[in-house]
Protein backbone atom coordinates (compact mmCIF):
# COMPACT_ATOMS: atom_id res chain seq x y z
CA MET A 1 122.54 113.94 88.18
CA SER A 2 122.16 112.05 91.47
CA LYS A 3 118.78 110.64 92.39
CA LYS A 4 117.31 112.23 95.50
CA VAL A 5 116.52 109.64 98.18
CA LEU A 6 114.20 109.92 101.17
CA VAL A 7 114.89 107.20 103.75
CA VAL A 8 111.93 106.43 105.99
CA GLY A 9 112.74 104.47 109.13
CA VAL A 10 116.33 104.25 110.40
CA GLY A 11 116.32 101.18 112.62
CA ASN A 12 118.71 98.29 111.93
CA MET A 13 117.65 97.78 108.32
CA GLY A 14 116.86 101.41 107.57
CA MET A 15 120.26 102.61 108.72
CA SER A 16 122.00 99.91 106.68
CA HIS A 17 120.09 100.99 103.59
CA ALA A 18 120.66 104.70 104.26
CA LEU A 19 124.40 104.17 104.48
CA ALA A 20 124.28 102.02 101.34
CA TYR A 21 122.72 104.90 99.39
CA ALA A 22 125.40 107.21 100.80
CA ARG A 23 128.13 104.94 99.37
CA ILE A 24 126.61 104.97 95.85
CA PRO A 25 127.49 108.15 93.91
CA GLU A 26 124.30 108.01 91.83
CA PHE A 27 122.18 108.44 94.98
CA ASP A 28 121.92 111.43 97.28
CA VAL A 29 120.19 111.00 100.64
CA VAL A 30 118.36 114.32 100.93
CA GLY A 31 116.04 113.37 103.77
CA VAL A 32 115.64 111.01 106.72
CA CYS A 33 112.28 110.46 108.35
CA THR A 34 111.57 108.62 111.58
CA ARG A 35 109.61 109.07 114.75
CA HIS A 36 111.45 111.06 117.42
CA ILE A 37 113.91 112.30 114.80
CA ALA A 38 115.06 115.08 117.13
CA GLU A 39 116.48 112.46 119.49
CA ARG A 40 118.40 110.56 116.83
CA GLU A 41 122.10 110.89 116.21
CA LEU A 42 122.96 110.25 112.58
CA PRO A 43 126.37 109.22 111.25
CA ALA A 44 128.51 111.70 109.35
CA ALA A 45 127.56 110.15 106.00
CA LEU A 46 123.98 111.37 106.56
CA ALA A 47 124.82 114.76 108.02
CA GLY A 48 123.53 116.61 104.97
CA ALA A 49 120.10 114.96 105.04
CA LYS A 50 117.14 117.01 106.20
CA ARG A 51 115.28 115.52 109.17
CA PHE A 52 111.56 114.86 109.33
CA ALA A 53 109.24 113.32 111.89
CA LYS A 54 106.25 113.10 109.52
CA TYR A 55 106.39 111.11 106.30
CA GLU A 56 103.83 113.10 104.33
CA GLU A 57 105.68 116.36 105.04
CA ALA A 58 108.98 114.87 103.90
CA LEU A 59 107.44 113.50 100.71
CA ALA A 60 105.76 116.80 99.82
CA GLU A 61 108.74 119.03 100.58
CA LEU A 62 111.58 116.96 99.11
CA LYS A 63 109.84 115.51 96.04
CA PRO A 64 112.35 112.63 96.05
CA ASP A 65 113.21 110.42 93.09
CA VAL A 66 113.41 107.38 95.39
CA VAL A 67 111.70 106.58 98.68
CA SER A 68 113.22 103.84 100.84
CA ILE A 69 110.65 102.43 103.28
CA ASN A 70 112.12 100.62 106.29
CA THR A 71 109.37 101.14 108.85
CA LEU A 72 107.17 98.63 110.67
CA PRO A 73 105.19 96.40 108.29
CA ASP A 74 101.80 97.97 109.00
CA THR A 75 102.91 101.17 107.21
CA HIS A 76 104.58 99.59 104.16
CA ALA A 77 101.66 99.51 101.74
CA ASP A 78 100.34 103.00 102.59
CA TYR A 79 103.78 104.62 102.41
CA ALA A 80 104.67 102.81 99.17
CA ILE A 81 101.46 103.83 97.41
CA LYS A 82 101.87 107.47 98.49
CA ALA A 83 105.45 107.49 97.19
CA LEU A 84 104.53 105.90 93.87
CA GLU A 85 101.63 108.31 93.40
CA ALA A 86 104.03 111.20 94.12
CA GLY A 87 106.25 110.05 91.24
CA ALA A 88 108.99 108.29 93.20
CA HIS A 89 110.52 104.88 92.69
CA VAL A 90 110.25 102.71 95.81
CA PHE A 91 112.37 100.33 97.80
CA VAL A 92 110.34 98.72 100.57
CA GLU A 93 111.48 96.24 103.16
CA LYS A 94 109.68 92.91 103.37
CA PRO A 95 106.94 91.99 103.94
CA LEU A 96 105.39 94.21 101.28
CA ALA A 97 102.11 94.67 103.17
CA GLU A 98 99.90 93.37 105.97
CA THR A 99 97.48 91.66 103.59
CA VAL A 100 97.62 90.10 100.15
CA GLU A 101 95.03 92.58 98.92
CA SER A 102 97.05 95.62 100.01
CA ALA A 103 100.23 94.11 98.56
CA GLN A 104 98.47 93.70 95.23
CA ARG A 105 97.35 97.35 95.39
CA VAL A 106 100.98 98.42 95.77
CA VAL A 107 102.01 96.32 92.77
CA ASP A 108 99.09 97.61 90.71
CA THR A 109 100.05 101.20 91.59
CA ALA A 110 103.66 100.61 90.51
CA ARG A 111 102.45 99.25 87.18
CA ARG A 112 100.02 102.13 86.64
CA THR A 113 102.54 104.86 87.51
CA GLY A 114 105.41 103.20 85.65
CA LYS A 115 107.67 103.50 88.67
CA LYS A 116 110.07 100.82 89.89
CA LEU A 117 109.19 98.82 93.00
CA VAL A 118 111.86 96.67 94.66
CA VAL A 119 110.97 94.60 97.72
CA GLY A 120 113.73 93.84 100.22
CA TYR A 121 114.32 90.17 99.47
CA ILE A 122 117.98 90.43 100.38
CA LEU A 123 118.72 86.78 99.59
CA ARG A 124 117.96 87.42 95.91
CA GLN A 125 121.06 89.62 95.76
CA HIS A 126 123.27 87.19 97.69
CA PRO A 127 125.76 85.32 95.45
CA SER A 128 125.79 82.28 97.74
CA TRP A 129 122.00 82.00 97.83
CA ILE A 130 121.90 82.45 94.07
CA LYS A 131 124.28 79.45 93.85
CA PHE A 132 122.11 77.50 96.32
CA VAL A 133 119.01 78.09 94.17
CA GLU A 134 120.93 77.17 91.00
CA ILE A 135 122.01 73.81 92.42
CA ALA A 136 118.60 73.05 93.93
CA ARG A 137 116.99 73.45 90.49
CA GLN A 138 119.13 70.51 89.31
CA LEU A 139 117.82 68.03 91.90
CA GLY A 140 114.73 66.88 89.99
CA SER A 141 111.12 66.84 91.14
CA PRO A 142 109.37 66.61 93.55
CA LEU A 143 111.46 68.45 96.10
CA ILE A 144 111.58 68.65 99.88
CA PHE A 145 112.37 72.07 101.40
CA ARG A 146 113.55 72.17 105.01
CA MET A 147 114.23 75.65 106.39
CA ASN A 148 114.19 77.54 109.65
CA LEU A 149 115.54 80.63 111.36
CA ASN A 150 115.08 80.68 115.12
CA GLN A 151 116.53 83.55 117.13
CA GLN A 152 117.42 83.53 120.81
CA SER A 153 116.77 87.24 120.90
CA ARG A 154 118.16 89.43 123.69
CA GLY A 155 118.85 93.07 124.45
CA PRO A 156 117.79 95.49 121.68
CA ASN A 157 116.96 92.57 119.38
CA TRP A 158 114.26 91.33 121.75
CA ASP A 159 112.80 94.84 121.97
CA TRP A 160 112.74 95.01 118.16
CA HIS A 161 111.16 91.57 117.82
CA LYS A 162 108.42 92.52 120.28
CA ARG A 163 107.68 95.62 118.22
CA LEU A 164 107.48 93.51 115.05
CA MET A 165 105.09 91.09 116.77
CA GLU A 166 102.63 93.91 117.30
CA THR A 167 101.89 93.31 113.60
CA PHE A 168 103.29 89.98 112.38
CA SER A 169 104.43 86.65 113.75
CA PRO A 170 107.95 85.36 113.01
CA ILE A 171 106.71 82.89 110.37
CA VAL A 172 105.19 85.79 108.44
CA ASP A 173 107.91 88.41 108.87
CA CYS A 174 110.89 86.12 108.17
CA GLY A 175 108.97 83.40 106.36
CA VAL A 176 108.52 85.46 103.20
CA HIS A 177 112.29 85.23 102.59
CA TYR A 178 112.47 81.46 102.68
CA VAL A 179 109.13 80.74 101.05
CA ASP A 180 110.38 83.03 98.27
CA VAL A 181 113.49 80.83 97.99
CA MET A 182 111.26 77.74 97.66
CA CYS A 183 109.22 79.42 94.94
CA GLN A 184 112.36 80.46 93.08
CA ILE A 185 113.54 76.85 93.02
CA THR A 186 110.33 75.16 91.87
CA PRO A 187 108.03 76.45 89.12
CA ALA A 188 105.22 74.38 90.67
CA LYS A 189 102.15 76.14 92.02
CA PRO A 190 101.64 76.27 95.82
CA ILE A 191 98.26 74.73 96.56
CA ARG A 192 97.91 74.10 100.29
CA VAL A 193 99.27 75.48 103.57
CA GLN A 194 98.94 74.37 107.17
CA ALA A 195 100.66 75.75 110.24
CA MET A 196 100.93 75.71 114.03
CA GLY A 197 101.99 78.40 116.46
CA VAL A 198 102.71 78.78 120.18
CA ARG A 199 102.83 81.84 122.45
CA LEU A 200 105.70 81.27 124.88
CA THR A 201 105.73 84.62 126.68
CA ASP A 202 103.29 87.19 128.01
CA GLU A 203 105.58 89.92 126.68
CA VAL A 204 103.86 89.68 123.30
CA PRO A 205 100.18 90.48 122.61
CA ALA A 206 97.70 87.83 123.68
CA SER A 207 96.64 87.36 120.06
CA MET A 208 100.21 86.77 118.88
CA TYR A 209 102.53 83.74 118.91
CA ASN A 210 106.31 83.99 119.00
CA TYR A 211 106.98 80.51 117.54
CA GLY A 212 105.43 79.07 114.40
CA GLN A 213 105.90 76.32 111.85
CA LEU A 214 104.31 76.13 108.41
CA GLN A 215 104.04 73.40 105.81
CA VAL A 216 103.33 74.14 102.16
CA ALA A 217 102.43 71.68 99.38
CA PHE A 218 102.96 72.29 95.65
CA ASP A 219 101.08 70.83 92.70
CA ASP A 220 104.08 68.74 91.53
CA GLY A 221 104.19 66.89 94.85
CA SER A 222 106.92 69.07 96.36
CA VAL A 223 106.56 69.90 100.06
CA GLY A 224 108.30 72.36 102.34
CA TRP A 225 108.43 73.41 105.95
CA TYR A 226 109.65 76.55 107.62
CA GLU A 227 109.85 77.38 111.32
CA ALA A 228 110.73 80.58 113.13
CA GLY A 229 110.76 81.57 116.77
CA TRP A 230 111.85 84.76 118.54
CA GLY A 231 112.58 85.24 122.20
CA PRO A 232 115.04 84.68 125.03
CA MET A 233 113.75 81.13 125.51
CA MET A 234 114.62 79.90 122.00
CA SER A 235 117.23 77.19 121.60
CA GLU A 236 120.51 77.82 119.79
CA THR A 237 120.53 74.19 118.65
CA ALA A 238 119.92 73.78 114.90
CA PHE A 239 118.62 77.34 114.68
CA PHE A 240 119.71 77.65 111.06
CA VAL A 241 118.61 74.89 108.66
CA LYS A 242 118.58 75.45 104.91
CA ASP A 243 118.18 72.21 103.00
CA VAL A 244 116.65 71.03 99.72
CA ILE A 245 116.27 67.34 98.82
CA GLY A 246 115.26 65.89 95.45
CA PRO A 247 115.50 62.59 93.54
CA LYS A 248 119.01 63.46 92.36
CA GLY A 249 120.45 64.45 95.72
CA SER A 250 120.44 67.39 98.10
CA VAL A 251 121.96 70.79 98.68
CA SER A 252 122.51 72.27 102.12
CA ILE A 253 123.92 75.39 103.68
CA VAL A 254 126.33 74.25 106.39
CA MET A 255 128.61 75.90 108.88
CA ALA A 256 132.30 75.10 108.55
CA ASP A 257 134.50 74.13 111.48
CA GLY A 258 135.16 77.02 113.82
CA SER A 259 131.79 78.69 113.28
CA GLY A 260 130.12 77.17 116.32
CA ASP A 261 130.27 80.47 118.22
CA VAL A 262 127.81 82.15 115.82
CA LYS A 263 124.70 83.27 117.70
CA SER A 264 121.18 83.02 116.35
CA ASP A 265 120.41 86.73 116.80
CA ASP A 266 123.51 87.83 114.84
CA ILE A 267 122.01 89.54 111.79
CA ASN A 268 125.01 88.63 109.66
CA ALA A 269 124.41 84.94 110.41
CA HIS A 270 120.96 85.18 108.82
CA THR A 271 122.43 85.62 105.35
CA LYS A 272 125.85 84.02 105.82
CA THR A 273 126.20 80.61 104.15
CA ASN A 274 129.79 79.67 105.05
CA GLN A 275 129.65 76.54 102.86
CA ILE A 276 127.30 74.94 100.37
CA LEU A 277 127.23 71.13 100.41
CA TRP A 278 126.01 69.36 97.25
CA HIS A 279 125.24 65.67 97.71
CA HIS A 280 124.72 63.47 94.63
CA ALA A 281 122.32 60.54 94.92
CA ALA A 282 123.43 58.37 91.95
CA LEU A 283 124.75 54.93 92.95
CA ASP A 284 126.70 52.25 91.10
CA ALA A 285 125.77 48.55 90.87
CA GLN A 286 127.06 48.02 94.42
CA ASN A 287 125.00 50.95 95.75
CA ASN A 288 128.06 53.10 96.27
CA PRO A 289 128.05 56.79 95.31
CA ILE A 290 129.21 57.41 91.76
CA ARG A 291 130.14 60.98 92.54
CA GLY A 292 131.41 62.36 95.83
CA ASP A 293 129.90 65.24 97.71
CA GLU A 294 130.99 68.72 96.67
CA ARG A 295 131.64 71.62 99.02
CA PHE A 296 131.72 75.24 97.90
CA SER A 297 133.44 77.69 100.22
CA MET A 298 131.66 81.01 100.65
CA ALA A 299 134.24 82.53 102.98
CA ASP A 300 134.47 85.71 100.89
CA GLU A 301 130.73 86.36 100.69
CA PRO A 302 129.44 89.90 101.31
CA ASP A 303 128.34 90.91 104.81
CA HIS A 304 124.93 92.34 105.68
CA ASP A 305 125.77 95.96 104.84
CA ALA A 306 127.32 94.97 101.52
CA LEU A 307 124.17 93.02 100.68
CA CYS A 308 122.05 96.08 101.42
CA GLU A 309 124.22 97.99 98.98
CA ARG A 310 123.65 95.28 96.35
CA GLU A 311 119.90 95.71 96.81
CA GLN A 312 120.16 99.44 96.18
CA ARG A 313 122.42 98.94 93.16
CA TYR A 314 119.76 96.57 91.82
CA LEU A 315 117.18 99.34 92.25
CA LEU A 316 119.52 101.76 90.49
CA LYS A 317 119.95 99.35 87.59
CA ALA A 318 116.18 98.85 87.35
CA ILE A 319 115.67 102.62 87.12
CA ASP A 320 118.53 103.42 84.74
CA GLU A 321 118.00 100.43 82.42
CA ASN A 322 114.21 100.22 82.75
CA VAL A 323 114.40 96.63 83.96
CA ASP A 324 111.05 94.82 83.91
CA LEU A 325 110.28 94.01 87.57
CA SER A 326 106.99 92.22 86.90
CA ASP A 327 108.19 88.83 88.13
CA HIS A 328 109.92 90.40 91.14
CA MET A 329 106.71 92.17 92.19
CA ASP A 330 104.42 89.20 91.52
CA ASP A 331 106.74 86.90 93.48
CA ALA A 332 106.55 89.26 96.45
CA VAL A 333 102.77 88.91 96.46
CA LYS A 334 103.02 85.13 95.96
CA SER A 335 105.29 84.55 98.96
CA LEU A 336 103.17 86.85 101.12
CA ARG A 337 100.06 84.91 100.11
CA ILE A 338 101.63 81.69 101.42
CA VAL A 339 102.74 83.07 104.81
CA ILE A 340 99.46 84.92 105.34
CA ALA A 341 97.69 81.62 104.67
CA ALA A 342 99.98 80.02 107.26
CA ASP A 343 99.00 82.65 109.82
CA LYS A 344 95.34 81.97 109.06
CA SER A 345 95.95 78.26 109.56
CA VAL A 346 97.54 78.90 112.97
CA ARG A 347 94.57 80.96 114.09
CA THR A 348 91.84 78.68 112.71
CA GLY A 349 93.46 75.28 113.10
CA GLN A 350 92.48 74.52 109.50
CA VAL A 351 94.35 73.67 106.34
CA VAL A 352 94.19 76.64 103.93
CA THR A 353 93.80 76.01 100.22
CA LEU A 354 95.43 78.55 97.94
């Protein structure tokens, strides 16, 4: 029997997830909930879903097996807890919550109710990023993490970014992805965070900044930085850096020739790797490389919608096979703790100890 799914929020990510459920026979999208639902046109694949403007009404009437939460971050924790308490499994887009404490409450509720909770860390389902993490773990210790994702946002993307910045800055909203990658690579404990931020436009709230950079230190000596900026003023130069350096070499995500026309606000470019470059540090007696660099083509990697489907198939597997998601849930809290500390550092000008 198909699992009944209620999709809450049908913006860019929500619609991608809704259509992913529709492509998986074991799921049945029975309801769609979003503000101003009466004004929304839904694709044919969702024509059979009942429409709701209020989440609580949808949850009570449909009694879904799965609730997919793709709303603004300030609703994530509340909606997730209500769904879990109602007996549903939950997929929730990142970040899991506005605060570490509320994120932990969601995780605690999932454990108490015995329901599955999957957080939308899309890179964890990406074969190229899985390969990137695998190589990075072979580079020794300590490690240097260098990552960014700046977006020269325009049109609807700028409107969406401004809505997001009513709650979170770019280094929090996107930072959880890449801090999570760092934490996957090193087992070391994060111990210290410092960050800076700048407000470059009066189109965002006075208390918000649309560019930020964080630095995180780990207890094995590893260090990492991440920067993110949103807005029409952001540079397209070096907007996408994904690099890990260790004693034994480095691994980088690089664009192949012919990819220079990729724009920073292209959502597919945020997960696309194109190529992985593995550099080996070992030298011979004449200080020449013993082993040449290796390049791995990722030309056939899945696109954004296919990755969303992989996330939902992961949720399906977790439900059907009773997969233990303890590490997945704890890691979601861990990465949020780091970026929330970074936001605190921006606002106080102080180094934050974890």
